[in-house]
Amino acid sequence: MAAYPQDPGAPDAPYLSFWQERHLCTLTTPRSDGTPHVVPVGVTYEPEARLARVITNKSSRKVAHVLAAGAAGAPVAVCQVDGKRWATLEGVAHVSSEPERVREAERRYAVRYGRTPAPNPDRVVIEIALTRAMGRG
């Protein structure tokens, strides 16, 4: 994994491999006052679609922050760290409650994290249209 920005749609093999490992991540969303809100999450990364996904409850603060940004979406970042290795994906987030999008996010979560998420009728997916990727391996 290079120590410089990656193309989020065409990452090098070590960067992609790191995002396929099981790691707890963080999601940073902007609060209404502009300060960062950082929470632990599970993240999946689909470089071909330039998309990262986070499944969550529709009543969560992270969802509220993304929705508060309006139709343009919220600038966000997801990050994971393992010792000296780290990787960050940045982009614009939107929330979807469309069943097929939530199911796809759940499927990808199960593949990465090795377990199927418990049923949750209030689950939504935060989809992040990626604009930047960086890291150090």
N, C-alpha and C. Protein backbone atom coordinates (compact mmCIF):
# COMPACT_ATOMS: atom_id res chain seq x y z
N MET A 1 0.86 -1.17 0.00
CA MET A 1 0.00 0.00 0.00
C MET A 1 0.90 1.22 0.00
N ALA A 2 0.67 2.10 -0.93
CA ALA A 2 1.48 3.31 -1.06
C ALA A 2 1.12 4.32 0.03
N ALA A 3 2.05 5.22 0.29
CA ALA A 3 1.85 6.26 1.31
C ALA A 3 1.36 7.55 0.68
N TYR A 4 0.66 7.45 -0.39
CA TYR A 4 0.16 8.63 -1.08
C TYR A 4 -1.29 8.37 -1.47
N PRO A 5 -1.98 9.39 -1.96
CA PRO A 5 -3.37 9.16 -2.35
C PRO A 5 -3.49 8.04 -3.39
N GLN A 6 -4.55 7.28 -3.25
CA GLN A 6 -4.90 6.22 -4.19
C GLN A 6 -6.11 6.71 -4.99
N ASP A 7 -6.32 6.11 -6.14
CA ASP A 7 -7.57 6.33 -6.87
C ASP A 7 -8.61 5.42 -6.21
N PRO A 8 -9.68 5.97 -5.60
CA PRO A 8 -10.64 5.11 -4.91
C PRO A 8 -11.34 4.13 -5.84
N GLY A 9 -11.28 4.37 -7.15
CA GLY A 9 -11.88 3.46 -8.11
C GLY A 9 -10.92 2.42 -8.64
N ALA A 10 -9.64 2.59 -8.36
CA ALA A 10 -8.62 1.65 -8.84
C ALA A 10 -7.46 1.59 -7.85
N PRO A 11 -7.72 1.11 -6.63
CA PRO A 11 -6.66 1.06 -5.63
C PRO A 11 -5.61 0.01 -5.97
N ASP A 12 -4.40 0.17 -5.43
CA ASP A 12 -3.41 -0.88 -5.63
C ASP A 12 -3.81 -2.10 -4.81
N ALA A 13 -3.22 -3.25 -5.14
CA ALA A 13 -3.61 -4.52 -4.51
C ALA A 13 -3.46 -4.53 -2.99
N PRO A 14 -2.36 -4.00 -2.43
CA PRO A 14 -2.26 -4.01 -0.96
C PRO A 14 -3.33 -3.16 -0.28
N TYR A 15 -3.70 -2.03 -0.88
CA TYR A 15 -4.74 -1.17 -0.31
C TYR A 15 -6.07 -1.90 -0.29
N LEU A 16 -6.43 -2.50 -1.42
CA LEU A 16 -7.68 -3.23 -1.51
C LEU A 16 -7.69 -4.41 -0.54
N SER A 17 -6.59 -5.12 -0.46
CA SER A 17 -6.50 -6.25 0.46
C SER A 17 -6.73 -5.82 1.90
N PHE A 18 -6.16 -4.68 2.28
CA PHE A 18 -6.35 -4.16 3.64
C PHE A 18 -7.82 -3.89 3.92
N TRP A 19 -8.55 -3.36 2.93
CA TRP A 19 -9.98 -3.08 3.11
C TRP A 19 -10.82 -4.35 3.09
N GLN A 20 -10.24 -5.48 2.71
CA GLN A 20 -10.98 -6.74 2.74
C GLN A 20 -10.77 -7.48 4.06
N GLU A 21 -9.76 -7.08 4.82
CA GLU A 21 -9.53 -7.68 6.13
C GLU A 21 -10.61 -7.21 7.10
N ARG A 22 -10.78 -7.97 8.17
CA ARG A 22 -11.79 -7.62 9.18
C ARG A 22 -11.18 -6.61 10.15
N HIS A 23 -11.63 -5.36 10.05
CA HIS A 23 -11.17 -4.29 10.94
C HIS A 23 -12.34 -3.41 11.35
N LEU A 24 -12.34 -2.99 12.60
CA LEU A 24 -13.26 -1.97 13.04
C LEU A 24 -12.79 -0.66 12.42
N CYS A 25 -13.72 0.17 12.02
CA CYS A 25 -13.40 1.43 11.36
C CYS A 25 -14.03 2.59 12.13
N THR A 26 -13.76 3.79 11.66
CA THR A 26 -14.46 4.97 12.17
C THR A 26 -15.13 5.68 11.00
N LEU A 27 -16.23 6.34 11.32
CA LEU A 27 -16.92 7.21 10.38
C LEU A 27 -16.94 8.60 10.98
N THR A 28 -16.50 9.57 10.22
CA THR A 28 -16.52 10.96 10.66
C THR A 28 -17.55 11.71 9.83
N THR A 29 -18.52 12.30 10.54
CA THR A 29 -19.57 13.11 9.90
C THR A 29 -19.53 14.51 10.51
N PRO A 30 -20.02 15.50 9.77
CA PRO A 30 -20.02 16.87 10.32
C PRO A 30 -21.29 17.15 11.14
N ARG A 31 -21.08 17.68 12.34
CA ARG A 31 -22.22 18.16 13.13
C ARG A 31 -22.70 19.49 12.55
N SER A 32 -23.84 19.95 12.99
CA SER A 32 -24.39 21.21 12.47
C SER A 32 -23.48 22.40 12.75
N ASP A 33 -22.66 22.31 13.81
CA ASP A 33 -21.73 23.42 14.10
C ASP A 33 -20.40 23.27 13.39
N GLY A 34 -20.29 22.24 12.55
CA GLY A 34 -19.07 22.02 11.77
C GLY A 34 -18.03 21.14 12.44
N THR A 35 -18.22 20.80 13.71
CA THR A 35 -17.24 19.96 14.39
C THR A 35 -17.42 18.50 13.95
N PRO A 36 -16.36 17.71 14.02
CA PRO A 36 -16.45 16.32 13.59
C PRO A 36 -17.08 15.42 14.65
N HIS A 37 -17.92 14.52 14.18
CA HIS A 37 -18.53 13.47 15.01
C HIS A 37 -17.91 12.16 14.53
N VAL A 38 -17.17 11.47 15.40
CA VAL A 38 -16.46 10.25 15.01
C VAL A 38 -17.01 9.08 15.81
N VAL A 39 -17.41 8.03 15.10
CA VAL A 39 -17.98 6.85 15.75
C VAL A 39 -17.41 5.57 15.12
N PRO A 40 -17.34 4.49 15.91
CA PRO A 40 -16.89 3.21 15.35
C PRO A 40 -18.00 2.57 14.51
N VAL A 41 -17.60 1.99 13.39
CA VAL A 41 -18.55 1.35 12.47
C VAL A 41 -17.85 0.21 11.73
N GLY A 42 -18.66 -0.59 11.06
CA GLY A 42 -18.16 -1.53 10.07
C GLY A 42 -18.34 -0.87 8.71
N VAL A 43 -17.35 -1.04 7.84
CA VAL A 43 -17.39 -0.40 6.52
C VAL A 43 -17.09 -1.44 5.45
N THR A 44 -17.80 -1.35 4.35
CA THR A 44 -17.45 -2.15 3.18
C THR A 44 -17.08 -1.20 2.04
N TYR A 45 -16.20 -1.68 1.18
CA TYR A 45 -15.61 -0.85 0.12
C TYR A 45 -15.76 -1.59 -1.20
N GLU A 46 -16.39 -0.90 -2.16
CA GLU A 46 -16.56 -1.44 -3.51
C GLU A 46 -15.89 -0.47 -4.50
N PRO A 47 -14.60 -0.70 -4.77
CA PRO A 47 -13.88 0.28 -5.60
C PRO A 47 -14.46 0.44 -7.01
N GLU A 48 -14.96 -0.66 -7.61
CA GLU A 48 -15.49 -0.55 -8.97
C GLU A 48 -16.62 0.46 -9.06
N ALA A 49 -17.39 0.58 -8.00
CA ALA A 49 -18.50 1.54 -7.96
C ALA A 49 -18.10 2.84 -7.27
N ARG A 50 -16.84 2.92 -6.80
CA ARG A 50 -16.35 4.08 -6.04
C ARG A 50 -17.29 4.34 -4.86
N LEU A 51 -17.58 3.27 -4.10
CA LEU A 51 -18.61 3.33 -3.07
C LEU A 51 -18.15 2.62 -1.79
N ALA A 52 -18.40 3.25 -0.66
CA ALA A 52 -18.24 2.62 0.65
C ALA A 52 -19.62 2.63 1.30
N ARG A 53 -19.86 1.63 2.16
CA ARG A 53 -21.18 1.51 2.79
C ARG A 53 -21.03 1.28 4.29
N VAL A 54 -21.97 1.85 5.04
CA VAL A 54 -22.08 1.66 6.48
C VAL A 54 -23.54 1.35 6.77
N ILE A 55 -23.82 0.21 7.42
CA ILE A 55 -25.19 -0.08 7.82
C ILE A 55 -25.38 0.44 9.24
N THR A 56 -26.58 0.96 9.49
CA THR A 56 -26.86 1.55 10.81
C THR A 56 -28.36 1.69 11.01
N ASN A 57 -28.73 2.15 12.19
CA ASN A 57 -30.12 2.39 12.53
C ASN A 57 -30.53 3.78 12.02
N LYS A 58 -31.73 3.89 11.50
CA LYS A 58 -32.17 5.16 10.94
C LYS A 58 -32.24 6.30 11.96
N SER A 59 -32.29 5.96 13.26
CA SER A 59 -32.37 7.00 14.29
C SER A 59 -31.00 7.41 14.85
N SER A 60 -29.92 6.92 14.25
CA SER A 60 -28.58 7.24 14.77
C SER A 60 -28.18 8.69 14.48
N ARG A 61 -27.27 9.20 15.28
CA ARG A 61 -26.77 10.57 15.08
C ARG A 61 -26.05 10.68 13.73
N LYS A 62 -25.31 9.65 13.35
CA LYS A 62 -24.58 9.72 12.08
C LYS A 62 -25.55 9.89 10.91
N VAL A 63 -26.69 9.21 10.97
CA VAL A 63 -27.70 9.37 9.93
C VAL A 63 -28.26 10.78 9.98
N ALA A 64 -28.55 11.29 11.16
CA ALA A 64 -29.07 12.65 11.29
C ALA A 64 -28.09 13.67 10.70
N HIS A 65 -26.81 13.48 10.94
CA HIS A 65 -25.81 14.41 10.40
C HIS A 65 -25.79 14.38 8.88
N VAL A 66 -25.86 13.18 8.31
CA VAL A 66 -25.85 13.07 6.85
C VAL A 66 -27.13 13.70 6.27
N LEU A 67 -28.26 13.39 6.86
CA LEU A 67 -29.53 13.94 6.36
C LEU A 67 -29.58 15.46 6.48
N ALA A 68 -28.97 16.00 7.54
CA ALA A 68 -28.97 17.45 7.75
C ALA A 68 -28.22 18.19 6.64
N ALA A 69 -27.35 17.50 5.94
CA ALA A 69 -26.60 18.13 4.85
C ALA A 69 -27.46 18.39 3.63
N GLY A 70 -28.63 17.76 3.57
CA GLY A 70 -29.53 17.98 2.45
C GLY A 70 -29.20 17.13 1.24
N ALA A 71 -29.82 17.48 0.12
CA ALA A 71 -29.72 16.69 -1.10
C ALA A 71 -28.29 16.58 -1.63
N ALA A 72 -27.45 17.56 -1.34
CA ALA A 72 -26.06 17.53 -1.82
C ALA A 72 -25.24 16.47 -1.11
N GLY A 73 -25.70 16.00 0.04
CA GLY A 73 -24.97 15.00 0.80
C GLY A 73 -23.97 15.63 1.74
N ALA A 74 -23.41 14.81 2.61
CA ALA A 74 -22.47 15.28 3.62
C ALA A 74 -21.06 14.80 3.31
N PRO A 75 -20.07 15.69 3.46
CA PRO A 75 -18.68 15.23 3.31
C PRO A 75 -18.30 14.39 4.53
N VAL A 76 -17.81 13.18 4.29
CA VAL A 76 -17.48 12.26 5.36
C VAL A 76 -16.17 11.55 5.07
N ALA A 77 -15.68 10.85 6.09
CA ALA A 77 -14.50 10.00 5.92
C ALA A 77 -14.69 8.74 6.75
N VAL A 78 -14.20 7.63 6.23
CA VAL A 78 -14.10 6.38 6.98
C VAL A 78 -12.63 6.01 7.03
N CYS A 79 -12.23 5.43 8.16
CA CYS A 79 -10.81 5.14 8.36
C CYS A 79 -10.67 3.84 9.14
N GLN A 80 -9.59 3.12 8.86
CA GLN A 80 -9.23 1.95 9.65
C GLN A 80 -7.74 1.97 9.90
N VAL A 81 -7.35 1.40 11.05
CA VAL A 81 -5.95 1.39 11.47
C VAL A 81 -5.60 0.01 11.99
N ASP A 82 -4.42 -0.45 11.65
CA ASP A 82 -3.88 -1.70 12.19
C ASP A 82 -2.38 -1.51 12.35
N GLY A 83 -1.95 -1.17 13.57
CA GLY A 83 -0.53 -0.88 13.79
C GLY A 83 -0.13 0.33 12.99
N LYS A 84 0.91 0.18 12.17
CA LYS A 84 1.36 1.29 11.33
C LYS A 84 0.59 1.41 10.02
N ARG A 85 -0.25 0.42 9.74
CA ARG A 85 -1.05 0.48 8.51
C ARG A 85 -2.32 1.25 8.79
N TRP A 86 -2.69 2.10 7.85
CA TRP A 86 -3.95 2.82 7.96
C TRP A 86 -4.47 3.10 6.56
N ALA A 87 -5.78 3.30 6.47
CA ALA A 87 -6.41 3.62 5.19
C ALA A 87 -7.63 4.49 5.45
N THR A 88 -7.78 5.51 4.65
CA THR A 88 -8.92 6.43 4.75
C THR A 88 -9.58 6.55 3.39
N LEU A 89 -10.90 6.55 3.40
CA LEU A 89 -11.71 6.83 2.22
C LEU A 89 -12.55 8.06 2.51
N GLU A 90 -12.55 9.01 1.60
CA GLU A 90 -13.34 10.23 1.76
C GLU A 90 -14.36 10.32 0.63
N GLY A 91 -15.47 10.99 0.92
CA GLY A 91 -16.47 11.17 -0.12
C GLY A 91 -17.71 11.88 0.39
N VAL A 92 -18.76 11.77 -0.38
CA VAL A 92 -20.03 12.42 -0.08
C VAL A 92 -21.05 11.34 0.26
N ALA A 93 -21.67 11.48 1.44
CA ALA A 93 -22.59 10.46 1.94
C ALA A 93 -24.04 10.84 1.73
N HIS A 94 -24.83 9.81 1.46
CA HIS A 94 -26.29 9.90 1.40
C HIS A 94 -26.84 8.69 2.15
N VAL A 95 -28.06 8.81 2.63
CA VAL A 95 -28.71 7.73 3.36
C VAL A 95 -29.77 7.11 2.46
N SER A 96 -29.81 5.77 2.45
CA SER A 96 -30.85 5.07 1.69
C SER A 96 -31.55 4.06 2.60
N SER A 97 -32.86 4.02 2.45
CA SER A 97 -33.66 3.00 3.14
C SER A 97 -34.25 2.02 2.13
N GLU A 98 -33.88 2.14 0.86
CA GLU A 98 -34.39 1.25 -0.18
C GLU A 98 -33.99 -0.18 0.17
N PRO A 99 -34.95 -1.10 0.26
CA PRO A 99 -34.66 -2.46 0.70
C PRO A 99 -33.53 -3.15 -0.06
N GLU A 100 -33.49 -3.00 -1.37
CA GLU A 100 -32.43 -3.68 -2.13
C GLU A 100 -31.05 -3.12 -1.83
N ARG A 101 -30.96 -1.83 -1.56
CA ARG A 101 -29.67 -1.22 -1.22
C ARG A 101 -29.23 -1.64 0.18
N VAL A 102 -30.18 -1.71 1.10
CA VAL A 102 -29.86 -2.16 2.46
C VAL A 102 -29.43 -3.62 2.43
N ARG A 103 -30.14 -4.45 1.67
CA ARG A 103 -29.78 -5.87 1.56
C ARG A 103 -28.39 -6.05 0.99
N GLU A 104 -28.04 -5.27 -0.03
CA GLU A 104 -26.71 -5.36 -0.62
C GLU A 104 -25.65 -4.95 0.39
N ALA A 105 -25.91 -3.91 1.16
CA ALA A 105 -24.97 -3.48 2.19
C ALA A 105 -24.82 -4.55 3.27
N GLU A 106 -25.92 -5.19 3.65
CA GLU A 106 -25.87 -6.27 4.63
C GLU A 106 -25.07 -7.46 4.09
N ARG A 107 -25.27 -7.78 2.82
CA ARG A 107 -24.55 -8.90 2.20
C ARG A 107 -23.04 -8.64 2.22
N ARG A 108 -22.66 -7.43 1.84
CA ARG A 108 -21.24 -7.09 1.82
C ARG A 108 -20.65 -7.07 3.23
N TYR A 109 -21.43 -6.60 4.19
CA TYR A 109 -20.99 -6.60 5.58
C TYR A 109 -20.73 -8.04 6.03
N ALA A 110 -21.64 -8.96 5.71
CA ALA A 110 -21.49 -10.36 6.10
C ALA A 110 -20.22 -10.96 5.51
N VAL A 111 -19.90 -10.62 4.28
CA VAL A 111 -18.68 -11.13 3.64
C VAL A 111 -17.45 -10.59 4.36
N ARG A 112 -17.39 -9.31 4.60
CA ARG A 112 -16.19 -8.72 5.22
C ARG A 112 -16.04 -9.10 6.68
N TYR A 113 -17.13 -9.08 7.43
CA TYR A 113 -17.05 -9.27 8.87
C TYR A 113 -17.39 -10.69 9.35
N GLY A 114 -17.73 -11.57 8.41
CA GLY A 114 -17.91 -12.97 8.75
C GLY A 114 -19.15 -13.29 9.54
N ARG A 115 -20.11 -12.40 9.54
CA ARG A 115 -21.38 -12.67 10.23
C ARG A 115 -22.48 -11.85 9.58
N THR A 116 -23.65 -12.45 9.54
CA THR A 116 -24.82 -11.76 8.99
C THR A 116 -25.38 -10.83 10.06
N PRO A 117 -25.63 -9.58 9.73
CA PRO A 117 -26.21 -8.67 10.72
C PRO A 117 -27.58 -9.17 11.19
N ALA A 118 -27.87 -8.96 12.46
CA ALA A 118 -29.19 -9.33 13.00
C ALA A 118 -30.27 -8.55 12.28
N PRO A 119 -31.44 -9.14 12.10
CA PRO A 119 -32.53 -8.41 11.45
C PRO A 119 -32.83 -7.11 12.20
N ASN A 120 -33.08 -6.07 11.42
CA ASN A 120 -33.38 -4.76 12.00
C ASN A 120 -34.29 -4.01 11.02
N PRO A 121 -35.57 -3.88 11.32
CA PRO A 121 -36.48 -3.18 10.40
C PRO A 121 -36.18 -1.68 10.29
N ASP A 122 -35.39 -1.14 11.20
CA ASP A 122 -35.03 0.27 11.15
C ASP A 122 -33.67 0.51 10.52
N ARG A 123 -33.09 -0.52 9.89
CA ARG A 123 -31.76 -0.38 9.29
C ARG A 123 -31.82 0.43 8.00
N VAL A 124 -30.82 1.26 7.83
CA VAL A 124 -30.59 2.02 6.61
C VAL A 124 -29.12 1.83 6.24
N VAL A 125 -28.76 2.32 5.07
CA VAL A 125 -27.36 2.27 4.67
C VAL A 125 -26.89 3.69 4.35
N ILE A 126 -25.73 4.02 4.88
CA ILE A 126 -25.05 5.25 4.48
C ILE A 126 -24.14 4.87 3.33
N GLU A 127 -24.40 5.44 2.17
CA GLU A 127 -23.59 5.17 0.98
C GLU A 127 -22.68 6.37 0.75
N ILE A 128 -21.41 6.10 0.58
CA ILE A 128 -20.42 7.16 0.41
C ILE A 128 -19.86 7.09 -1.00
N ALA A 129 -20.17 8.11 -1.81
CA ALA A 129 -19.60 8.23 -3.15
C ALA A 129 -18.17 8.73 -2.98
N LEU A 130 -17.21 7.87 -3.27
CA LEU A 130 -15.82 8.15 -2.93
C LEU A 130 -15.14 9.13 -3.88
N THR A 131 -14.39 10.04 -3.28
CA THR A 131 -13.64 11.04 -4.03
C THR A 131 -12.14 10.93 -3.79
N ARG A 132 -11.75 10.29 -2.68
CA ARG A 132 -10.33 10.22 -2.33
C ARG A 132 -10.06 8.98 -1.49
N ALA A 133 -8.88 8.42 -1.69
CA ALA A 133 -8.41 7.31 -0.88
C ALA A 133 -6.95 7.54 -0.56
N MET A 134 -6.57 7.25 0.68
CA MET A 134 -5.17 7.41 1.06
C MET A 134 -4.84 6.39 2.13
N GLY A 135 -3.57 6.16 2.33
CA GLY A 135 -3.17 5.22 3.34
C GLY A 135 -1.69 4.99 3.38
N ARG A 136 -1.29 4.16 4.33
CA ARG A 136 0.13 3.81 4.48
C ARG A 136 0.18 2.35 4.93
N GLY A 137 1.01 1.59 4.23
CA GLY A 137 1.11 0.18 4.57
C GLY A 137 2.47 -0.20 5.09
